[in-house]
Amino acid sequence: MRLFSIAQMILNALVKPKQPISIQEIPKGRVLDIGGGGEGVIAQAGGSGVVAIDKLLSEIHEARDKAPDARWMVADATELPYRTGCFDHATAFFSCMYMPDEVKEGVFKETRRALKKGGEFWIWDVRMDSKSKVFAIRLQVDLHDRHTIDTVYGVRAKDQSAASICRRLQEAGFEPEVTTERRHWFFIKAKRV
């Protein structure tokens, strides 16, 4: 990304207020966290029940110390190194925003394969428009009874909405059950059918 785009992204993040997110719970059982590096939010919330994957080793190194009880693996979510049906649930915390649409399709299909029937896929992500060129969001994540994480996520903007993610989930064999939309972000809970 060019220096000018990075400066635009930082400015974009600074002019928006922090978006509060409270994570009271994550799914129970063995949870696969897609794109779990960086802040390691889901791994911090779920500890030893979480297997966090990220395709970048640097992101895992950044997150591992924040959630030492979780299991960590460098992996491409379009080709998961796990057996079919070996996870109870899956999560993606502000990971889809970094994926092109064709990658989302592969990630969702592969996530479905790795989940047990009836398993849920919980997704927190952003609504954005490609006209913006760059997109950034500041988050204040409250991990129930633990601590608060202040972070910023930024990316070259693309068209993405809760509706577009739900369509891709349905195409991959999930049934979206809960969609909560906030001004700058959304949460989707979808079941593997």
C-alpha atoms as a PDB file:
ATOM      1  CA  MET A   1       0.000   0.000   0.000  1.00  0.00           C
ATOM      2  CA  ARG A   2       1.373   3.435  -0.873  1.00  0.00           C
ATOM      3  CA  LEU A   3       2.407   5.901   1.830  1.00  0.00           C
ATOM      4  CA  PHE A   4      -0.386   8.305   0.803  1.00  0.00           C
ATOM      5  CA  SER A   5      -2.988   5.531   1.200  1.00  0.00           C
ATOM      6  CA  ILE A   6      -1.632   4.642   4.618  1.00  0.00           C
ATOM      7  CA  ALA A   7      -1.830   8.303   5.683  1.00  0.00           C
ATOM      8  CA  GLN A   8      -5.438   8.444   4.406  1.00  0.00           C
ATOM      9  CA  MET A   9      -6.277   5.299   6.375  1.00  0.00           C
ATOM     10  CA  ILE A  10      -4.825   6.701   9.595  1.00  0.00           C
ATOM     11  CA  LEU A  11      -6.704   9.980   9.127  1.00  0.00           C
ATOM     12  CA  ASN A  12      -9.891   8.029   8.381  1.00  0.00           C
ATOM     13  CA  ALA A  13      -9.492   6.120  11.656  1.00  0.00           C
ATOM     14  CA  LEU A  14      -8.725   9.208  13.723  1.00  0.00           C
ATOM     15  CA  VAL A  15     -11.786  11.183  12.629  1.00  0.00           C
ATOM     16  CA  LYS A  16     -14.191   8.389  13.592  1.00  0.00           C
ATOM     17  CA  PRO A  17     -15.059   7.737  17.218  1.00  0.00           C
ATOM     18  CA  LYS A  18     -14.031   4.429  18.764  1.00  0.00           C
ATOM     19  CA  GLN A  19     -16.648   1.788  18.101  1.00  0.00           C
ATOM     20  CA  PRO A  20     -17.516  -0.107  21.286  1.00  0.00           C
ATOM     21  CA  ILE A  21     -17.864  -3.882  21.036  1.00  0.00           C
ATOM     22  CA  SER A  22     -18.622  -6.058  24.008  1.00  0.00           C
ATOM     23  CA  ILE A  23     -17.767  -9.736  23.755  1.00  0.00           C
ATOM     24  CA  GLN A  24     -19.698 -11.399  26.541  1.00  0.00           C
ATOM     25  CA  GLU A  25     -19.160 -14.885  25.143  1.00  0.00           C
ATOM     26  CA  ILE A  26     -17.821 -16.848  22.243  1.00  0.00           C
ATOM     27  CA  PRO A  27     -19.146 -20.206  21.070  1.00  0.00           C
ATOM     28  CA  LYS A  28     -18.525 -23.150  23.411  1.00  0.00           C
ATOM     29  CA  GLY A  29     -16.421 -26.165  22.477  1.00  0.00           C
ATOM     30  CA  ARG A  30     -13.504 -26.323  20.060  1.00  0.00           C
ATOM     31  CA  VAL A  31     -13.456 -23.025  18.120  1.00  0.00           C
ATOM     32  CA  LEU A  32     -11.563 -22.287  14.895  1.00  0.00           C
ATOM     33  CA  ASP A  33     -10.703 -18.581  14.691  1.00  0.00           C
ATOM     34  CA  ILE A  34     -10.076 -17.441  11.111  1.00  0.00           C
ATOM     35  CA  GLY A  35      -7.491 -14.644  10.806  1.00  0.00           C
ATOM     36  CA  GLY A  36      -6.931 -14.726  14.548  1.00  0.00           C
ATOM     37  CA  GLY A  37      -3.516 -13.076  14.651  1.00  0.00           C
ATOM     38  CA  GLY A  38      -2.750  -9.439  15.458  1.00  0.00           C
ATOM     39  CA  GLU A  39      -4.712  -8.594  18.574  1.00  0.00           C
ATOM     40  CA  GLY A  40      -5.890 -12.184  19.065  1.00  0.00           C
ATOM     41  CA  VAL A  41      -9.245 -10.966  20.379  1.00  0.00           C
ATOM     42  CA  ILE A  42     -11.098 -14.278  20.133  1.00  0.00           C
ATOM     43  CA  ALA A  43      -8.126 -16.214  21.514  1.00  0.00           C
ATOM     44  CA  GLN A  44      -8.012 -13.832  24.474  1.00  0.00           C
ATOM     45  CA  ALA A  45     -11.748 -14.325  25.044  1.00  0.00           C
ATOM     46  CA  GLY A  46     -11.755 -18.109  24.617  1.00  0.00           C
ATOM     47  CA  GLY A  47      -8.333 -19.284  25.787  1.00  0.00           C
ATOM     48  CA  SER A  48      -7.565 -22.984  25.437  1.00  0.00           C
ATOM     49  CA  GLY A  49     -10.766 -23.725  23.507  1.00  0.00           C
ATOM     50  CA  VAL A  50      -9.567 -21.627  20.536  1.00  0.00           C
ATOM     51  CA  VAL A  51      -7.403 -22.692  17.620  1.00  0.00           C
ATOM     52  CA  ALA A  52      -6.398 -19.409  15.978  1.00  0.00           C
ATOM     53  CA  ILE A  53      -5.066 -19.455  12.442  1.00  0.00           C
ATOM     54  CA  ASP A  54      -3.536 -16.697  10.392  1.00  0.00           C
ATOM     55  CA  LYS A  55      -1.634 -16.890   7.142  1.00  0.00           C
ATOM     56  CA  LEU A  56       0.986 -14.443   8.442  1.00  0.00           C
ATOM     57  CA  LEU A  57       3.482 -15.663  11.033  1.00  0.00           C
ATOM     58  CA  SER A  58       4.118 -12.061  12.089  1.00  0.00           C
ATOM     59  CA  GLU A  59       0.431 -11.715  13.080  1.00  0.00           C
ATOM     60  CA  ILE A  60       0.621 -14.878  15.167  1.00  0.00           C
ATOM     61  CA  HIS A  61       3.798 -13.681  16.891  1.00  0.00           C
ATOM     62  CA  GLU A  62       2.024 -10.421  17.752  1.00  0.00           C
ATOM     63  CA  ALA A  63      -0.990 -12.223  19.255  1.00  0.00           C
ATOM     64  CA  ARG A  64       0.522 -15.283  20.918  1.00  0.00           C
ATOM     65  CA  ASP A  65       1.732 -13.478  24.057  1.00  0.00           C
ATOM     66  CA  LYS A  66      -1.717 -11.940  24.565  1.00  0.00           C
ATOM     67  CA  ALA A  67      -3.411 -15.359  24.607  1.00  0.00           C
ATOM     68  CA  PRO A  68      -0.855 -18.024  25.560  1.00  0.00           C
ATOM     69  CA  ASP A  69      -3.492 -20.676  26.338  1.00  0.00           C
ATOM     70  CA  ALA A  70      -4.892 -20.691  22.789  1.00  0.00           C
ATOM     71  CA  ARG A  71      -3.409 -22.874  20.078  1.00  0.00           C
ATOM     72  CA  TRP A  72      -1.815 -21.058  17.134  1.00  0.00           C
ATOM     73  CA  MET A  73      -1.123 -22.130  13.570  1.00  0.00           C
ATOM     74  CA  VAL A  74       0.057 -20.522  10.363  1.00  0.00           C
ATOM     75  CA  ALA A  75      -2.506 -21.661   7.803  1.00  0.00           C
ATOM     76  CA  ASP A  76      -4.366 -20.556   4.699  1.00  0.00           C
ATOM     77  CA  ALA A  77      -8.090 -20.595   5.507  1.00  0.00           C
ATOM     78  CA  THR A  78      -8.909 -21.636   1.936  1.00  0.00           C
ATOM     79  CA  GLU A  79      -7.036 -24.934   2.554  1.00  0.00           C
ATOM     80  CA  LEU A  80      -7.397 -25.772   6.233  1.00  0.00           C
ATOM     81  CA  PRO A  81      -5.077 -28.500   7.543  1.00  0.00           C
ATOM     82  CA  TYR A  82      -7.866 -30.086   9.611  1.00  0.00           C
ATOM     83  CA  ARG A  83     -10.185 -33.077   9.204  1.00  0.00           C
ATOM     84  CA  THR A  84     -13.769 -32.623   8.105  1.00  0.00           C
ATOM     85  CA  GLY A  85     -16.086 -31.857  11.021  1.00  0.00           C
ATOM     86  CA  CYS A  86     -13.386 -31.497  13.683  1.00  0.00           C
ATOM     87  CA  PHE A  87     -14.481 -28.090  15.071  1.00  0.00           C
ATOM     88  CA  ASP A  88     -17.636 -27.283  17.011  1.00  0.00           C
ATOM     89  CA  HIS A  89     -17.733 -23.636  15.881  1.00  0.00           C
ATOM     90  CA  ALA A  90     -15.774 -20.956  14.020  1.00  0.00           C
ATOM     91  CA  THR A  91     -15.217 -17.219  14.344  1.00  0.00           C
ATOM     92  CA  ALA A  92     -13.811 -14.402  12.226  1.00  0.00           C
ATOM     93  CA  PHE A  93     -13.185 -11.134  14.055  1.00  0.00           C
ATOM     94  CA  PHE A  94     -12.684  -8.337  11.506  1.00  0.00           C
ATOM     95  CA  SER A  95     -10.943 -10.746   9.128  1.00  0.00           C
ATOM     96  CA  CYS A  96     -13.316 -10.681   6.135  1.00  0.00           C
ATOM     97  CA  MET A  97     -12.479  -7.030   5.475  1.00  0.00           C
ATOM     98  CA  TYR A  98      -8.998  -8.136   4.399  1.00  0.00           C
ATOM     99  CA  MET A  99     -10.257 -10.810   1.960  1.00  0.00           C
ATOM    100  CA  PRO A 100     -11.177 -10.327  -1.696  1.00  0.00           C
ATOM    101  CA  ASP A 101     -14.616 -11.772  -2.514  1.00  0.00           C
ATOM    102  CA  GLU A 102     -13.208 -14.869  -4.239  1.00  0.00           C
ATOM    103  CA  VAL A 103     -11.116 -15.614  -1.147  1.00  0.00           C
ATOM    104  CA  LYS A 104     -14.161 -15.187   1.135  1.00  0.00           C
ATOM    105  CA  GLU A 105     -15.950 -17.809  -0.964  1.00  0.00           C
ATOM    106  CA  GLY A 106     -13.124 -20.310  -0.474  1.00  0.00           C
ATOM    107  CA  VAL A 107     -12.743 -19.496   3.229  1.00  0.00           C
ATOM    108  CA  PHE A 108     -16.463 -19.938   3.910  1.00  0.00           C
ATOM    109  CA  LYS A 109     -16.612 -23.283   2.058  1.00  0.00           C
ATOM    110  CA  GLU A 110     -13.532 -24.565   3.834  1.00  0.00           C
ATOM    111  CA  THR A 111     -14.788 -23.351   7.219  1.00  0.00           C
ATOM    112  CA  ARG A 112     -18.054 -25.211   6.599  1.00  0.00           C
ATOM    113  CA  ARG A 113     -16.102 -28.375   5.813  1.00  0.00           C
ATOM    114  CA  ALA A 114     -14.144 -28.119   9.074  1.00  0.00           C
ATOM    115  CA  LEU A 115     -17.296 -27.633  11.201  1.00  0.00           C
ATOM    116  CA  LYS A 116     -19.552 -30.274  12.659  1.00  0.00           C
ATOM    117  CA  LYS A 117     -23.131 -30.244  11.407  1.00  0.00           C
ATOM    118  CA  GLY A 118     -25.045 -27.564  13.307  1.00  0.00           C
ATOM    119  CA  GLY A 119     -21.841 -25.698  14.152  1.00  0.00           C
ATOM    120  CA  GLU A 120     -22.039 -21.921  14.190  1.00  0.00           C
ATOM    121  CA  PHE A 121     -19.838 -19.390  12.423  1.00  0.00           C
ATOM    122  CA  TRP A 122     -19.711 -16.031  14.234  1.00  0.00           C
ATOM    123  CA  ILE A 123     -18.472 -13.072  12.172  1.00  0.00           C
ATOM    124  CA  TRP A 124     -17.774  -9.520  13.310  1.00  0.00           C
ATOM    125  CA  ASP A 125     -16.859  -7.181  10.447  1.00  0.00           C
ATOM    126  CA  VAL A 126     -17.413  -3.834   8.732  1.00  0.00           C
ATOM    127  CA  ARG A 127     -19.647  -2.234   6.164  1.00  0.00           C
ATOM    128  CA  MET A 128     -17.557  -0.376   3.585  1.00  0.00           C
ATOM    129  CA  ASP A 129     -17.793   1.092   0.120  1.00  0.00           C
ATOM    130  CA  SER A 130     -15.086   0.925  -2.559  1.00  0.00           C
ATOM    131  CA  LYS A 131     -15.675   4.614  -3.389  1.00  0.00           C
ATOM    132  CA  SER A 132     -13.894   5.496  -0.134  1.00  0.00           C
ATOM    133  CA  LYS A 133     -10.536   4.143  -1.443  1.00  0.00           C
ATOM    134  CA  VAL A 134      -9.315   3.344   2.097  1.00  0.00           C
ATOM    135  CA  PHE A 135     -11.193   2.240   5.172  1.00  0.00           C
ATOM    136  CA  ALA A 136     -10.234   2.217   8.837  1.00  0.00           C
ATOM    137  CA  ILE A 137     -12.113   1.587  12.048  1.00  0.00           C
ATOM    138  CA  ARG A 138     -11.118   2.180  15.665  1.00  0.00           C
ATOM    139  CA  LEU A 139     -12.463  -0.385  18.094  1.00  0.00           C
ATOM    140  CA  GLN A 140     -12.763  -0.536  21.835  1.00  0.00           C
ATOM    141  CA  VAL A 141     -13.371  -4.206  22.584  1.00  0.00           C
ATOM    142  CA  ASP A 142     -14.606  -5.076  26.045  1.00  0.00           C
ATOM    143  CA  LEU A 143     -13.742  -8.656  26.944  1.00  0.00           C
ATOM    144  CA  HIS A 144     -16.260  -9.467  29.645  1.00  0.00           C
ATOM    145  CA  ASP A 145     -14.634  -9.617  33.115  1.00  0.00           C
ATOM    146  CA  ARG A 146     -11.145  -9.255  31.663  1.00  0.00           C
ATOM    147  CA  HIS A 147      -9.905  -6.076  30.042  1.00  0.00           C
ATOM    148  CA  THR A 148     -10.475  -3.694  27.151  1.00  0.00           C
ATOM    149  CA  ILE A 149      -8.584  -3.800  23.871  1.00  0.00           C
ATOM    150  CA  ASP A 150      -8.134  -0.587  21.866  1.00  0.00           C
ATOM    151  CA  THR A 151      -7.178  -1.275  18.275  1.00  0.00           C
ATOM    152  CA  VAL A 152      -7.442   0.008  14.701  1.00  0.00           C
ATOM    153  CA  TYR A 153      -8.075  -2.075  11.587  1.00  0.00           C
ATOM    154  CA  GLY A 154      -7.479  -0.604   8.138  1.00  0.00           C
ATOM    155  CA  VAL A 155      -7.600  -1.802   4.562  1.00  0.00           C
ATOM    156  CA  ARG A 156      -7.963  -0.668   0.980  1.00  0.00           C
ATOM    157  CA  ALA A 157     -11.730  -0.204   0.722  1.00  0.00           C
ATOM    158  CA  LYS A 158     -13.968  -2.626  -1.148  1.00  0.00           C
ATOM    159  CA  ASP A 159     -17.704  -3.172  -1.312  1.00  0.00           C
ATOM    160  CA  GLN A 160     -18.812  -5.193   1.719  1.00  0.00           C
ATOM    161  CA  SER A 161     -21.965  -5.338   3.827  1.00  0.00           C
ATOM    162  CA  ALA A 162     -23.741  -7.716   6.177  1.00  0.00           C
ATOM    163  CA  ALA A 163     -26.021  -8.654   3.279  1.00  0.00           C
ATOM    164  CA  SER A 164     -23.092  -9.498   0.972  1.00  0.00           C
ATOM    165  CA  ILE A 165     -21.462 -11.650   3.669  1.00  0.00           C
ATOM    166  CA  CYS A 166     -24.799 -13.418   4.343  1.00  0.00           C
ATOM    167  CA  ARG A 167     -25.188 -14.188   0.617  1.00  0.00           C
ATOM    168  CA  ARG A 168     -21.708 -15.719   0.483  1.00  0.00           C
ATOM    169  CA  LEU A 169     -22.404 -17.716   3.651  1.00  0.00           C
ATOM    170  CA  GLN A 170     -25.610 -19.114   2.126  1.00  0.00           C
ATOM    171  CA  GLU A 171     -23.747 -20.049  -1.062  1.00  0.00           C
ATOM    172  CA  ALA A 172     -21.217 -21.937   1.081  1.00  0.00           C
ATOM    173  CA  GLY A 173     -23.913 -23.911   2.952  1.00  0.00           C
ATOM    174  CA  PHE A 174     -24.572 -21.781   6.031  1.00  0.00           C
ATOM    175  CA  GLU A 175     -27.879 -20.422   7.232  1.00  0.00           C
ATOM    176  CA  PRO A 176     -27.528 -16.920   8.714  1.00  0.00           C
ATOM    177  CA  GLU A 177     -29.604 -16.794  11.886  1.00  0.00           C
ATOM    178  CA  VAL A 178     -28.681 -13.549  13.643  1.00  0.00           C
ATOM    179  CA  THR A 179     -27.547 -10.328  12.073  1.00  0.00           C
ATOM    180  CA  THR A 180     -26.905  -7.282  14.209  1.00  0.00           C
ATOM    181  CA  GLU A 181     -25.957  -4.100  12.389  1.00  0.00           C
ATOM    182  CA  ARG A 182     -24.328  -1.094  13.975  1.00  0.00           C
ATOM    183  CA  ARG A 183     -23.387   2.118  12.226  1.00  0.00           C
ATOM    184  CA  HIS A 184     -19.862   1.024  11.234  1.00  0.00           C
ATOM    185  CA  TRP A 185     -19.788  -2.729  11.916  1.00  0.00           C
ATOM    186  CA  PHE A 186     -21.991  -5.818  12.043  1.00  0.00           C
ATOM    187  CA  PHE A 187     -22.223  -9.232  13.684  1.00  0.00           C
ATOM    188  CA  ILE A 188     -23.498 -12.376  11.941  1.00  0.00           C
ATOM    189  CA  LYS A 189     -24.212 -15.757  13.475  1.00  0.00           C
ATOM    190  CA  ALA A 190     -24.696 -18.476  10.849  1.00  0.00           C
ATOM    191  CA  LYS A 191     -25.334 -22.214  11.253  1.00  0.00           C
ATOM    192  CA  ARG A 192     -23.757 -24.980   9.164  1.00  0.00           C
ATOM    193  CA  VAL A 193     -26.557 -26.859   7.407  1.00  0.00           C
END
